[in-house]
Amino acid sequence: MPIVRMYSTLICPYCMRAEGLLNKKGVQVEKILVKNEQEMINMAEITGRRTVPQIFIGERHVGGFDDLVELDMAGELDPLLAP
């Protein structure tokens, strides 16, 4: 199974929902906490976005929670998570 990384904050409800969905699929999420403006800038340079969560499956940036759910509903998430 590929490594799943997620940029997150401690109080983000969408981060919690994304982690919940991934946990239901048996995935442990490696969280990268965004705690200040500089870390937000660093995340934005990598992802092109300034909102959390930002989720990577392996090296692929899949986007935020809505993008993750869209992949799941389209049947494309499970193949990405397969070993």
C-alpha atoms as a PDB file:
ATOM      1  CA  MET A   1       0.000   0.000   0.000  1.00  0.00           C
ATOM      2  CA  PRO A   2       1.418   3.420  -0.893  1.00  0.00           C
ATOM      3  CA  ILE A   3       2.208   5.987   1.779  1.00  0.00           C
ATOM      4  CA  VAL A   4      -0.623   8.476   2.255  1.00  0.00           C
ATOM      5  CA  ARG A   5       0.438  11.924   3.471  1.00  0.00           C
ATOM      6  CA  MET A   6      -1.969  14.674   4.418  1.00  0.00           C
ATOM      7  CA  TYR A   7      -1.292  18.316   5.203  1.00  0.00           C
ATOM      8  CA  SER A   8      -3.610  19.132   8.065  1.00  0.00           C
ATOM      9  CA  THR A   9      -4.353  21.355  11.034  1.00  0.00           C
ATOM     10  CA  LEU A  10      -5.503  20.222  14.465  1.00  0.00           C
ATOM     11  CA  ILE A  11      -9.007  21.708  14.159  1.00  0.00           C
ATOM     12  CA  CYS A  12      -9.899  21.082  10.509  1.00  0.00           C
ATOM     13  CA  PRO A  13     -13.174  19.121  10.185  1.00  0.00           C
ATOM     14  CA  TYR A  14     -12.455  18.234   6.548  1.00  0.00           C
ATOM     15  CA  CYS A  15      -9.071  16.824   7.589  1.00  0.00           C
ATOM     16  CA  MET A  16     -10.800  14.648  10.164  1.00  0.00           C
ATOM     17  CA  ARG A  17     -13.329  13.446   7.593  1.00  0.00           C
ATOM     18  CA  ALA A  18     -10.596  12.667   5.047  1.00  0.00           C
ATOM     19  CA  GLU A  19      -8.621  10.728   7.643  1.00  0.00           C
ATOM     20  CA  GLY A  20     -11.797   8.862   8.640  1.00  0.00           C
ATOM     21  CA  LEU A  21     -12.504   7.832   5.049  1.00  0.00           C
ATOM     22  CA  LEU A  22      -8.930   6.660   4.553  1.00  0.00           C
ATOM     23  CA  ASN A  23      -8.932   4.797   7.886  1.00  0.00           C
ATOM     24  CA  LYS A  24     -12.132   2.964   6.807  1.00  0.00           C
ATOM     25  CA  LYS A  25     -10.158   1.750   3.820  1.00  0.00           C
ATOM     26  CA  GLY A  26      -7.426   0.436   6.118  1.00  0.00           C
ATOM     27  CA  VAL A  27      -5.000   3.264   5.431  1.00  0.00           C
ATOM     28  CA  GLN A  28      -2.854   4.898   8.072  1.00  0.00           C
ATOM     29  CA  VAL A  29      -2.347   8.565   7.271  1.00  0.00           C
ATOM     30  CA  GLU A  30       0.965  10.331   7.801  1.00  0.00           C
ATOM     31  CA  LYS A  31      -0.109  13.810   8.903  1.00  0.00           C
ATOM     32  CA  ILE A  32       1.945  16.904   8.257  1.00  0.00           C
ATOM     33  CA  LEU A  33       0.639  19.570  10.610  1.00  0.00           C
ATOM     34  CA  VAL A  34       0.485  23.099   9.241  1.00  0.00           C
ATOM     35  CA  LYS A  35       0.951  25.281  12.320  1.00  0.00           C
ATOM     36  CA  ASN A  36       1.944  28.689  10.998  1.00  0.00           C
ATOM     37  CA  GLU A  37       1.990  30.946   7.955  1.00  0.00           C
ATOM     38  CA  GLN A  38       5.426  29.788   6.779  1.00  0.00           C
ATOM     39  CA  GLU A  39       4.310  26.152   6.791  1.00  0.00           C
ATOM     40  CA  MET A  40       1.179  27.203   4.856  1.00  0.00           C
ATOM     41  CA  ILE A  41       3.400  28.923   2.283  1.00  0.00           C
ATOM     42  CA  ASN A  42       5.574  25.800   2.013  1.00  0.00           C
ATOM     43  CA  MET A  43       2.483  23.633   1.488  1.00  0.00           C
ATOM     44  CA  ALA A  44       1.136  26.037  -1.143  1.00  0.00           C
ATOM     45  CA  GLU A  45       4.433  25.895  -3.040  1.00  0.00           C
ATOM     46  CA  ILE A  46       4.179  22.092  -3.168  1.00  0.00           C
ATOM     47  CA  THR A  47       0.445  21.732  -3.840  1.00  0.00           C
ATOM     48  CA  GLY A  48      -0.577  25.004  -5.464  1.00  0.00           C
ATOM     49  CA  ARG A  49      -3.311  25.353  -2.814  1.00  0.00           C
ATOM     50  CA  ARG A  50      -3.607  27.145   0.526  1.00  0.00           C
ATOM     51  CA  THR A  51      -6.362  25.046   2.103  1.00  0.00           C
ATOM     52  CA  VAL A  52      -6.210  21.876   4.160  1.00  0.00           C
ATOM     53  CA  PRO A  53      -6.390  19.003   3.827  1.00  0.00           C
ATOM     54  CA  GLN A  54      -4.031  18.403   0.943  1.00  0.00           C
ATOM     55  CA  ILE A  55      -3.621  14.699   0.353  1.00  0.00           C
ATOM     56  CA  PHE A  56      -0.914  12.708  -1.406  1.00  0.00           C
ATOM     57  CA  ILE A  57      -1.174   9.031  -2.251  1.00  0.00           C
ATOM     58  CA  GLY A  58       2.362   7.986  -2.950  1.00  0.00           C
ATOM     59  CA  GLU A  59       3.756  10.841  -5.003  1.00  0.00           C
ATOM     60  CA  ARG A  60       0.375  11.750  -6.515  1.00  0.00           C
ATOM     61  CA  HIS A  61      -1.335  14.860  -5.180  1.00  0.00           C
ATOM     62  CA  VAL A  62      -5.045  14.020  -5.130  1.00  0.00           C
ATOM     63  CA  GLY A  63      -6.184  17.335  -3.647  1.00  0.00           C
ATOM     64  CA  GLY A  64      -8.502  17.996  -0.721  1.00  0.00           C
ATOM     65  CA  PHE A  65     -11.398  16.204   0.931  1.00  0.00           C
ATOM     66  CA  ASP A  66     -13.879  16.876  -1.890  1.00  0.00           C
ATOM     67  CA  ASP A  67     -11.370  15.551  -4.424  1.00  0.00           C
ATOM     68  CA  LEU A  68     -10.821  12.444  -2.300  1.00  0.00           C
ATOM     69  CA  VAL A  69     -14.559  11.755  -2.074  1.00  0.00           C
ATOM     70  CA  GLU A  70     -14.942  12.330  -5.811  1.00  0.00           C
ATOM     71  CA  LEU A  71     -12.223   9.739  -6.484  1.00  0.00           C
ATOM     72  CA  ASP A  72     -13.943   7.297  -4.143  1.00  0.00           C
ATOM     73  CA  MET A  73     -17.377   7.786  -5.738  1.00  0.00           C
ATOM     74  CA  ALA A  74     -15.849   7.284  -9.189  1.00  0.00           C
ATOM     75  CA  GLY A  75     -14.277   3.991  -8.058  1.00  0.00           C
ATOM     76  CA  GLU A  76     -10.776   5.388  -8.563  1.00  0.00           C
ATOM     77  CA  LEU A  77      -9.613   5.617  -4.939  1.00  0.00           C
ATOM     78  CA  ASP A  78      -9.292   1.904  -4.139  1.00  0.00           C
ATOM     79  CA  PRO A  79      -6.954   1.223  -7.106  1.00  0.00           C
ATOM     80  CA  LEU A  80      -4.754   4.127  -5.978  1.00  0.00           C
ATOM     81  CA  LEU A  81      -4.546   2.626  -2.494  1.00  0.00           C
ATOM     82  CA  ALA A  82      -3.836  -0.916  -3.710  1.00  0.00           C
ATOM     83  CA  PRO A  83      -0.345  -2.313  -3.028  1.00  0.00           C
END
